[in-house]
């Protein structure tokens, strides 16, 4: 009976009528969600082909339903067919073919297909790694993703994505999708990919040196996720190069921001294991914070956030740097580049001696200044907020240091 219903659904899905295809795909999703779903080998092949084809349907509603079908189907069909679906999705995202971009209809269609395939692959990762049990079947005979399928699918995706990253390194569209998928995969199945850890580490470090800020941000998210699963030796291969880059003279500010943010995120991810690097990392963070260019409040914020992470995650190893950390926190709590202090007080008497004829010119000058700068552009408050959080972290981890810190604050 179930097979008969599936055959009818497959016939309707082939219809040229968009409404028929939508209803048939919806019916297929309902069938896949049933505990009683069963299909023979031939029908499984047809279902896999149909769902993959529906991903490219011109109707967004239908392709979205097909994405929902993917995970359920992969957990219900034989492992070999689920693995083949994974390979085909990987090829759509990072396989060979023309580069993304372009204004022609064909180029736009390829980009759309790549995007929906990337969405489908991430949905498949979530289903296989989040919904799978330890065995081939759960209680009551309900099929789940086997541990073998979860492991083999993760290995296939990791290998294909790394190959795609190397082959399309100049194609930002493909690289962006690949980095997103790798990050999703690492977060959900990093422990299953021990053989690929070093390859992924090296690929993500290479992407971190990419000139495009968006790509660097995605790469550092992947590195932070991966660092949790790395051995101490492999972790040294991540942290060491980052700290070396931060020690380079003349490091460009945008790369300094990226590397400091990466160090901060990795320290929060690996916790106490980062302690061995703090003898170098703490002074580097404070130095970059102090030497940041005028107006580079983003770098100062990243440095203070990294210091906060060091204190929260490695309180024992940051104890020797307590005085320096307190000084940085108190110093940047008062940070306000727009505060002129008492320097302008001497100019009041001079202003009073100016003739009334200059008032109109002054008004014009004020108007020009207003056009050049707005309070909306001032983000120095983020630096002060980060300093306050660092101070709160110090008090939380070192309550015995409160009297000294209180005295230092009063002295300021």
Protein backbone atom coordinates (compact mmCIF):
# COMPACT_ATOMS: atom_id res chain seq x y z
CA UNK A 1 0.00 0.00 0.00
CA UNK A 2 2.77 2.39 0.90
CA UNK A 3 4.59 1.63 -2.37
CA UNK A 4 1.41 2.33 -4.32
CA UNK A 5 1.03 5.73 -2.66
CA UNK A 6 4.65 6.55 -3.46
CA UNK A 7 4.21 5.59 -7.12
CA UNK A 8 1.23 7.96 -7.37
CA UNK A 9 3.23 10.73 -5.74
CA UNK A 10 6.08 10.23 -8.20
CA UNK A 11 3.66 10.55 -11.11
CA UNK A 12 2.26 13.81 -9.76
CA UNK A 13 5.72 15.24 -9.09
CA UNK A 14 6.50 14.90 -12.82
CA UNK A 15 3.56 17.18 -13.67
CA UNK A 16 4.12 20.48 -15.44
CA UNK A 17 1.60 22.10 -13.11
CA UNK A 18 3.40 23.82 -10.25
CA UNK A 19 0.52 23.24 -7.84
CA UNK A 20 0.51 19.51 -8.57
CA UNK A 21 4.26 19.32 -7.98
CA UNK A 22 3.94 21.24 -4.71
CA UNK A 23 1.16 19.00 -3.37
CA UNK A 24 3.01 15.86 -4.45
CA UNK A 25 6.22 16.97 -2.76
CA UNK A 26 4.25 17.80 0.39
CA UNK A 27 2.66 14.34 0.30
CA UNK A 28 6.09 12.78 -0.12
CA UNK A 29 7.36 14.62 2.96
CA UNK A 30 4.42 13.29 4.97
CA UNK A 31 5.11 9.74 3.78
CA UNK A 32 8.79 10.01 4.70
CA UNK A 33 7.86 11.14 8.20
CA UNK A 34 5.76 8.04 8.83
CA UNK A 35 7.21 5.25 10.95
CA UNK A 36 5.75 2.72 8.52
CA UNK A 37 7.61 4.06 5.47
CA UNK A 38 9.07 1.27 3.34
CA UNK A 39 10.39 1.19 -0.21
CA UNK A 40 12.20 -1.39 -2.30
CA UNK A 41 15.62 -0.74 -3.81
CA UNK A 42 14.29 0.43 -7.17
CA UNK A 43 11.81 2.82 -5.59
CA UNK A 44 14.53 4.19 -3.30
CA UNK A 45 16.62 5.09 -6.35
CA UNK A 46 13.70 6.89 -7.95
CA UNK A 47 12.89 8.79 -4.77
CA UNK A 48 16.49 9.95 -4.35
CA UNK A 49 16.63 11.15 -7.95
CA UNK A 50 13.29 12.94 -7.67
CA UNK A 51 14.14 14.77 -4.44
CA UNK A 52 17.49 15.92 -5.82
CA UNK A 53 15.72 17.11 -8.96
CA UNK A 54 13.06 18.95 -6.93
CA UNK A 55 15.81 20.97 -5.26
CA UNK A 56 16.26 22.74 -8.59
CA UNK A 57 12.57 23.41 -9.15
CA UNK A 58 11.89 26.98 -10.26
CA UNK A 59 9.35 27.32 -7.47
CA UNK A 60 11.03 28.25 -4.23
CA UNK A 61 8.24 26.65 -2.20
CA UNK A 62 8.83 23.29 -3.88
CA UNK A 63 12.61 23.42 -3.50
CA UNK A 64 12.19 24.27 0.19
CA UNK A 65 9.98 21.21 0.65
CA UNK A 66 12.60 19.11 -1.13
CA UNK A 67 15.21 20.33 1.37
CA UNK A 68 12.94 19.08 4.17
CA UNK A 69 12.61 15.73 2.41
CA UNK A 70 16.37 15.21 2.14
CA UNK A 71 17.14 14.41 5.75
CA UNK A 72 14.15 12.10 6.23
CA UNK A 73 14.93 10.27 2.98
CA UNK A 74 18.61 9.79 3.84
CA UNK A 75 17.63 8.13 7.13
CA UNK A 76 15.09 5.83 5.47
CA UNK A 77 16.95 4.54 2.40
CA UNK A 78 19.95 2.20 2.26
CA UNK A 79 23.28 3.73 3.29
CA UNK A 80 24.75 3.34 -0.18
CA UNK A 81 22.00 5.47 -1.72
CA UNK A 82 22.22 8.09 1.03
CA UNK A 83 25.97 8.34 0.40
CA UNK A 84 25.34 8.81 -3.31
CA UNK A 85 22.93 11.66 -2.53
CA UNK A 86 25.63 13.26 -0.40
CA UNK A 87 28.15 13.00 -3.26
CA UNK A 88 25.76 14.55 -5.75
CA UNK A 89 24.99 17.47 -3.45
CA UNK A 90 28.72 18.02 -2.87
CA UNK A 91 29.29 18.10 -6.62
CA UNK A 92 26.54 20.67 -7.05
CA UNK A 93 28.15 22.91 -4.43
CA UNK A 94 31.87 22.51 -5.05
CA UNK A 95 32.28 20.33 -8.11
CA UNK A 96 33.81 21.30 -11.43
CA UNK A 97 32.12 23.60 -13.91
CA UNK A 98 31.97 27.29 -14.75
CA UNK A 99 32.76 29.85 -12.09
CA UNK A 100 29.91 31.52 -10.24
CA UNK A 101 28.81 35.05 -10.99
CA UNK A 102 27.92 36.58 -14.30
CA UNK A 103 24.86 38.33 -15.59
CA UNK A 104 23.54 35.73 -18.02
CA UNK A 105 20.45 33.71 -17.20
CA UNK A 106 22.49 30.49 -17.22
CA UNK A 107 25.00 31.92 -14.70
CA UNK A 108 22.23 33.07 -12.39
CA UNK A 109 20.56 29.66 -12.63
CA UNK A 110 23.82 27.90 -11.73
CA UNK A 111 24.32 30.19 -8.75
CA UNK A 112 20.77 29.53 -7.56
CA UNK A 113 21.27 25.76 -7.91
CA UNK A 114 24.52 25.93 -5.97
CA UNK A 115 22.86 27.91 -3.19
CA UNK A 116 19.93 25.54 -2.78
CA UNK A 117 22.29 22.55 -2.92
CA UNK A 118 24.35 24.13 -0.11
CA UNK A 119 21.19 24.62 1.94
CA UNK A 120 20.21 21.02 1.28
CA UNK A 121 23.63 19.71 2.25
CA UNK A 122 23.57 21.61 5.54
CA UNK A 123 20.07 20.29 6.25
CA UNK A 124 21.33 16.77 5.53
CA UNK A 125 24.25 17.26 7.93
CA UNK A 126 21.85 18.32 10.68
CA UNK A 127 19.62 15.31 10.13
CA UNK A 128 22.35 12.71 9.88
CA UNK A 129 24.43 14.02 12.76
CA UNK A 130 21.62 15.27 15.01
CA UNK A 131 18.87 12.74 14.43
CA UNK A 132 20.89 9.56 14.04
CA UNK A 133 21.11 6.99 16.75
CA UNK A 134 23.88 4.59 17.56
CA UNK A 135 22.31 1.72 15.64
CA UNK A 136 20.53 1.07 12.39
CA UNK A 137 17.13 1.20 13.98
CA UNK A 138 15.63 2.92 16.97
CA UNK A 139 12.93 1.69 19.30
CA UNK A 140 9.89 0.26 17.63
CA UNK A 141 11.78 -0.49 14.41
CA UNK A 142 11.95 3.15 13.30
CA UNK A 143 14.94 3.56 10.96
CA UNK A 144 17.52 6.16 11.91
CA UNK A 145 20.80 7.24 10.41
CA UNK A 146 23.28 4.52 11.28
CA UNK A 147 26.56 5.40 12.93
CA UNK A 148 28.27 4.09 9.79
CA UNK A 149 26.25 6.44 7.59
CA UNK A 150 26.91 9.42 9.87
CA UNK A 151 30.64 8.74 9.75
CA UNK A 152 30.88 7.96 6.03
CA UNK A 153 28.74 10.95 5.05
CA UNK A 154 30.89 13.28 7.18
CA UNK A 155 34.05 11.91 5.57
CA UNK A 156 32.65 12.30 2.06
CA UNK A 157 31.52 15.89 2.70
CA UNK A 158 34.81 16.90 4.32
CA UNK A 159 36.86 15.46 1.46
CA UNK A 160 34.74 17.00 -1.29
CA UNK A 161 34.58 20.40 0.41
CA UNK A 162 38.36 20.52 0.88
CA UNK A 163 38.85 19.61 -2.77
CA UNK A 164 36.38 22.31 -3.78
CA UNK A 165 38.11 24.89 -1.59
CA UNK A 166 41.41 24.22 -3.35
CA UNK A 167 39.89 24.14 -6.84
CA UNK A 168 37.74 27.27 -6.46
CA UNK A 169 39.92 29.42 -4.20
CA UNK A 170 39.36 32.45 -6.43
CA UNK A 171 35.59 32.00 -6.59
CA UNK A 172 34.18 33.80 -3.55
CA UNK A 173 30.68 32.37 -4.07
CA UNK A 174 31.89 28.76 -3.92
CA UNK A 175 34.41 29.44 -1.14
CA UNK A 176 31.68 31.04 0.99
CA UNK A 177 29.39 28.02 0.65
CA UNK A 178 32.24 25.59 1.30
CA UNK A 179 33.35 27.38 4.47
CA UNK A 180 29.78 27.50 5.78
CA UNK A 181 29.32 23.77 5.14
CA UNK A 182 32.67 22.88 6.70
CA UNK A 183 31.81 24.88 9.82
CA UNK A 184 28.42 23.18 10.10
CA UNK A 185 30.03 19.78 9.59
CA UNK A 186 32.76 20.40 12.17
CA UNK A 187 30.29 21.62 14.77
CA UNK A 188 28.12 18.53 14.38
CA UNK A 189 30.58 15.79 13.42
CA UNK A 190 34.06 17.05 14.24
CA UNK A 191 34.77 14.04 16.40
CA UNK A 192 34.18 11.69 13.43
CA UNK A 193 36.76 13.40 11.23
CA UNK A 194 40.02 12.69 13.03
CA UNK A 195 41.77 11.71 9.80
CA UNK A 196 40.84 15.05 8.21
CA UNK A 197 41.61 17.37 11.13
CA UNK A 198 45.01 18.52 9.92
CA UNK A 199 43.82 19.01 6.34
CA UNK A 200 40.88 21.07 7.52
CA UNK A 201 43.12 23.05 9.87
CA UNK A 202 45.55 23.95 7.09
CA UNK A 203 42.75 24.82 4.66
CA UNK A 204 41.01 27.09 7.18
CA UNK A 205 44.28 28.80 8.13
CA UNK A 206 44.86 29.46 4.44
CA UNK A 207 41.38 30.94 4.11
CA UNK A 208 42.05 33.10 7.16
CA UNK A 209 44.79 34.86 5.18
CA UNK A 210 42.25 35.61 2.44
CA UNK A 211 41.90 39.26 1.45
CA UNK A 212 38.10 39.33 1.76
CA UNK A 213 36.90 40.07 5.32
CA UNK A 214 33.71 38.01 4.91
CA UNK A 215 35.71 34.92 3.97
CA UNK A 216 38.10 35.45 6.89
CA UNK A 217 35.18 35.67 9.31
CA UNK A 218 33.76 32.37 8.08
CA UNK A 219 37.18 30.73 8.25
CA UNK A 220 37.79 31.80 11.85
CA UNK A 221 34.39 30.43 12.87
CA UNK A 222 35.42 27.09 11.37
CA UNK A 223 38.80 27.20 13.11
CA UNK A 224 37.22 27.89 16.49
CA UNK A 225 34.83 24.96 16.00
CA UNK A 226 37.63 22.66 14.83
CA UNK A 227 40.00 23.57 17.67
CA UNK A 228 37.77 21.75 20.16
CA UNK A 229 38.54 18.42 18.47
CA UNK A 230 42.25 18.94 17.78
CA UNK A 231 44.99 17.19 19.70
CA UNK A 232 47.40 19.41 21.63
CA UNK A 233 49.96 19.07 18.86
CA UNK A 234 47.46 19.96 16.13
CA UNK A 235 46.14 22.85 18.23
CA UNK A 236 49.67 24.23 18.44
CA UNK A 237 49.62 24.26 14.64
CA UNK A 238 46.71 26.71 14.81
CA UNK A 239 47.58 28.97 17.73
CA UNK A 240 51.30 29.22 16.95
CA UNK A 241 50.88 30.69 13.44
CA UNK A 242 48.21 33.12 14.67
CA UNK A 243 50.44 34.47 17.44
CA UNK A 244 53.37 34.67 15.02
CA UNK A 245 51.28 36.78 12.66
CA UNK A 246 50.29 39.10 15.50
CA UNK A 247 53.97 39.57 16.33
CA UNK A 248 54.82 40.66 12.78
CA UNK A 249 55.78 44.36 12.53
CA UNK A 250 53.63 46.34 10.11
CA UNK A 251 50.71 43.92 10.25
CA UNK A 252 47.73 45.45 8.46
CA UNK A 253 44.96 46.53 10.86
CA UNK A 254 42.26 44.44 9.20
CA UNK A 255 44.38 41.30 9.51
CA UNK A 256 45.27 42.21 13.09
CA UNK A 257 41.54 42.36 13.85
CA UNK A 258 40.97 38.97 12.22
CA UNK A 259 43.86 37.21 13.97
CA UNK A 260 43.02 38.71 17.36
CA UNK A 261 39.39 37.71 16.99
CA UNK A 262 40.47 34.19 16.00
CA UNK A 263 42.74 33.90 19.06
CA UNK A 264 39.89 35.07 21.30
CA UNK A 265 37.36 32.63 19.85
CA UNK A 266 39.75 29.69 19.96
CA UNK A 267 40.64 30.40 23.59
CA UNK A 268 36.97 30.37 24.53
CA UNK A 269 36.45 27.12 22.59
CA UNK A 270 39.35 25.10 24.02
CA UNK A 271 39.34 26.52 27.56
CA UNK A 272 42.21 25.54 29.86
CA UNK A 273 44.17 24.03 26.94
CA UNK A 274 44.93 27.58 25.79
CA UNK A 275 46.72 28.36 29.04
CA UNK A 276 50.18 27.45 27.74
CA UNK A 277 49.98 30.26 25.17
CA UNK A 278 48.94 33.07 27.50
CA UNK A 279 52.49 34.17 28.28
CA UNK A 280 52.61 35.40 24.70
CA UNK A 281 48.95 36.06 23.99
CA UNK A 282 48.18 38.42 26.91
CA UNK A 283 51.00 40.92 26.22
CA UNK A 284 50.23 40.78 22.50
CA UNK A 285 46.56 41.60 23.06
CA UNK A 286 47.39 44.52 25.36
CA UNK A 287 50.04 45.81 22.95
CA UNK A 288 47.69 45.74 19.96
CA UNK A 289 45.00 47.42 22.03
CA UNK A 290 47.37 50.23 23.07
CA UNK A 291 48.93 50.65 19.62
CA UNK A 292 45.69 50.55 17.62
CA UNK A 293 45.35 53.44 15.21
CA UNK A 294 43.12 56.38 16.01
CA UNK A 295 39.54 55.39 15.32
CA UNK A 296 40.29 51.64 15.17
CA UNK A 297 37.92 50.86 18.01
CA UNK A 298 37.04 47.49 16.49
CA UNK A 299 40.59 46.22 17.08
CA UNK A 300 40.55 47.52 20.66
CA UNK A 301 37.23 45.78 21.26
CA UNK A 302 38.53 42.47 19.87
CA UNK A 303 41.64 42.71 22.07
CA UNK A 304 39.62 43.34 25.22
CA UNK A 305 37.19 40.55 24.34
CA UNK A 306 40.13 38.18 23.90
CA UNK A 307 41.51 39.20 27.29
CA UNK A 308 38.11 38.59 28.86
CA UNK A 309 38.04 35.11 27.33
CA UNK A 310 41.53 34.38 28.67
CA UNK A 311 40.43 35.30 32.19
CA UNK A 312 37.16 33.37 32.08
CA UNK A 313 38.54 30.19 30.51
CA UNK A 314 42.09 30.09 31.91
CA UNK A 315 41.97 31.86 35.31
CA UNK A 316 44.95 29.94 36.73
CA UNK A 317 47.25 30.80 33.82
CA UNK A 318 46.19 34.45 33.62
CA UNK A 319 46.89 35.07 37.31
CA UNK A 320 50.51 36.18 36.70
CA UNK A 321 49.19 38.89 34.33
CA UNK A 322 46.58 40.17 36.78
CA UNK A 323 48.16 43.60 37.26
CA UNK A 324 48.49 44.22 33.52
CA UNK A 325 44.92 43.06 32.94
CA UNK A 326 43.59 45.32 35.68
CA UNK A 327 45.47 48.26 34.18
CA UNK A 328 44.03 47.62 30.72
CA UNK A 329 40.50 47.27 32.07
CA UNK A 330 40.66 50.51 34.07
CA UNK A 331 42.38 52.40 31.29
CA UNK A 332 39.83 51.54 28.64
CA UNK A 333 36.82 52.00 30.90
CA UNK A 334 37.66 55.70 30.63
CA UNK A 335 38.42 55.54 26.92
CA UNK A 336 36.69 58.36 25.05
CA UNK A 337 38.50 59.76 22.02
CA UNK A 338 35.92 62.55 21.73
CA UNK A 339 36.55 63.97 25.19
CA UNK A 340 38.72 67.06 24.91
CA UNK A 341 39.37 67.50 28.65
CA UNK A 342 40.56 70.90 29.82
CA UNK A 343 42.56 71.71 26.70
CA UNK A 344 39.85 73.90 25.22
CA UNK A 345 39.09 75.94 28.35
CA UNK A 346 41.76 78.51 27.53
CA UNK A 347 40.04 79.35 24.29
CA UNK A 348 36.88 80.75 25.91
CA UNK A 349 38.29 84.22 26.58
CA UNK A 350 39.58 84.51 23.04
CA UNK A 351 36.12 83.71 21.73
CA UNK A 352 34.61 86.54 23.77
CA UNK A 353 36.94 89.07 22.09
CA UNK A 354 35.77 88.15 18.60
CA UNK A 355 33.50 90.60 16.80
CA UNK A 356 29.88 90.03 16.12
CA UNK A 357 30.65 90.00 12.43
CA UNK A 358 32.27 86.60 12.82
CA UNK A 359 29.17 84.94 14.29
CA UNK A 360 27.71 84.07 10.94
CA UNK A 361 30.96 82.45 9.84
CA UNK A 362 31.08 80.46 13.08
CA UNK A 363 27.60 79.13 12.44
CA UNK A 364 28.68 77.96 9.00
CA UNK A 365 31.72 76.27 10.48
CA UNK A 366 29.55 74.52 13.07
CA UNK A 367 27.29 73.33 10.32
CA UNK A 368 30.25 71.89 8.42
CA UNK A 369 31.46 70.05 11.52
CA UNK A 370 28.01 68.60 12.05
CA UNK A 371 28.04 67.26 8.52
CA UNK A 372 31.47 65.70 8.99
CA UNK A 373 30.75 63.83 12.22
CA UNK A 374 27.75 62.37 13.96
CA UNK A 375 27.29 60.67 17.30
CA UNK A 376 25.93 57.71 15.35
CA UNK A 377 29.46 57.10 14.05
CA UNK A 378 30.96 56.91 17.52
CA UNK A 379 31.52 53.27 18.51
CA UNK A 380 33.96 53.97 21.33
CA UNK A 381 31.24 52.82 23.74
CA UNK A 382 31.93 49.26 22.55
CA UNK A 383 35.49 49.59 23.82
CA UNK A 384 34.27 50.80 27.21
CA UNK A 385 31.72 47.99 27.34
CA UNK A 386 34.42 45.41 26.56
CA UNK A 387 36.63 46.91 29.29
CA UNK A 388 33.77 46.69 31.81
CA UNK A 389 33.23 43.04 30.91
CA UNK A 390 36.92 42.36 31.35
CA UNK A 391 36.77 43.98 34.78
CA UNK A 392 33.71 41.91 35.69
CA UNK A 393 35.55 38.75 34.59
CA UNK A 394 38.53 39.69 36.77
CA UNK A 395 36.28 40.18 39.80
CA UNK A 396 34.45 36.90 39.13
CA UNK A 397 37.63 34.84 38.81
CA UNK A 398 39.78 36.65 41.41
CA UNK A 399 37.50 37.86 44.22
CA UNK A 400 40.54 38.04 46.52
CA UNK A 401 41.95 40.78 44.25
CA UNK A 402 38.99 43.10 44.91
CA UNK A 403 40.73 45.28 47.56
CA UNK A 404 43.71 45.92 45.29
CA UNK A 405 41.52 46.58 42.31
CA UNK A 406 39.33 48.94 44.32
CA UNK A 407 42.40 50.85 45.44
CA UNK A 408 43.72 51.03 41.88
CA UNK A 409 40.37 52.35 40.67
CA UNK A 410 40.34 55.04 43.36
CA UNK A 411 43.87 56.01 42.41
CA UNK A 412 42.76 56.49 38.83
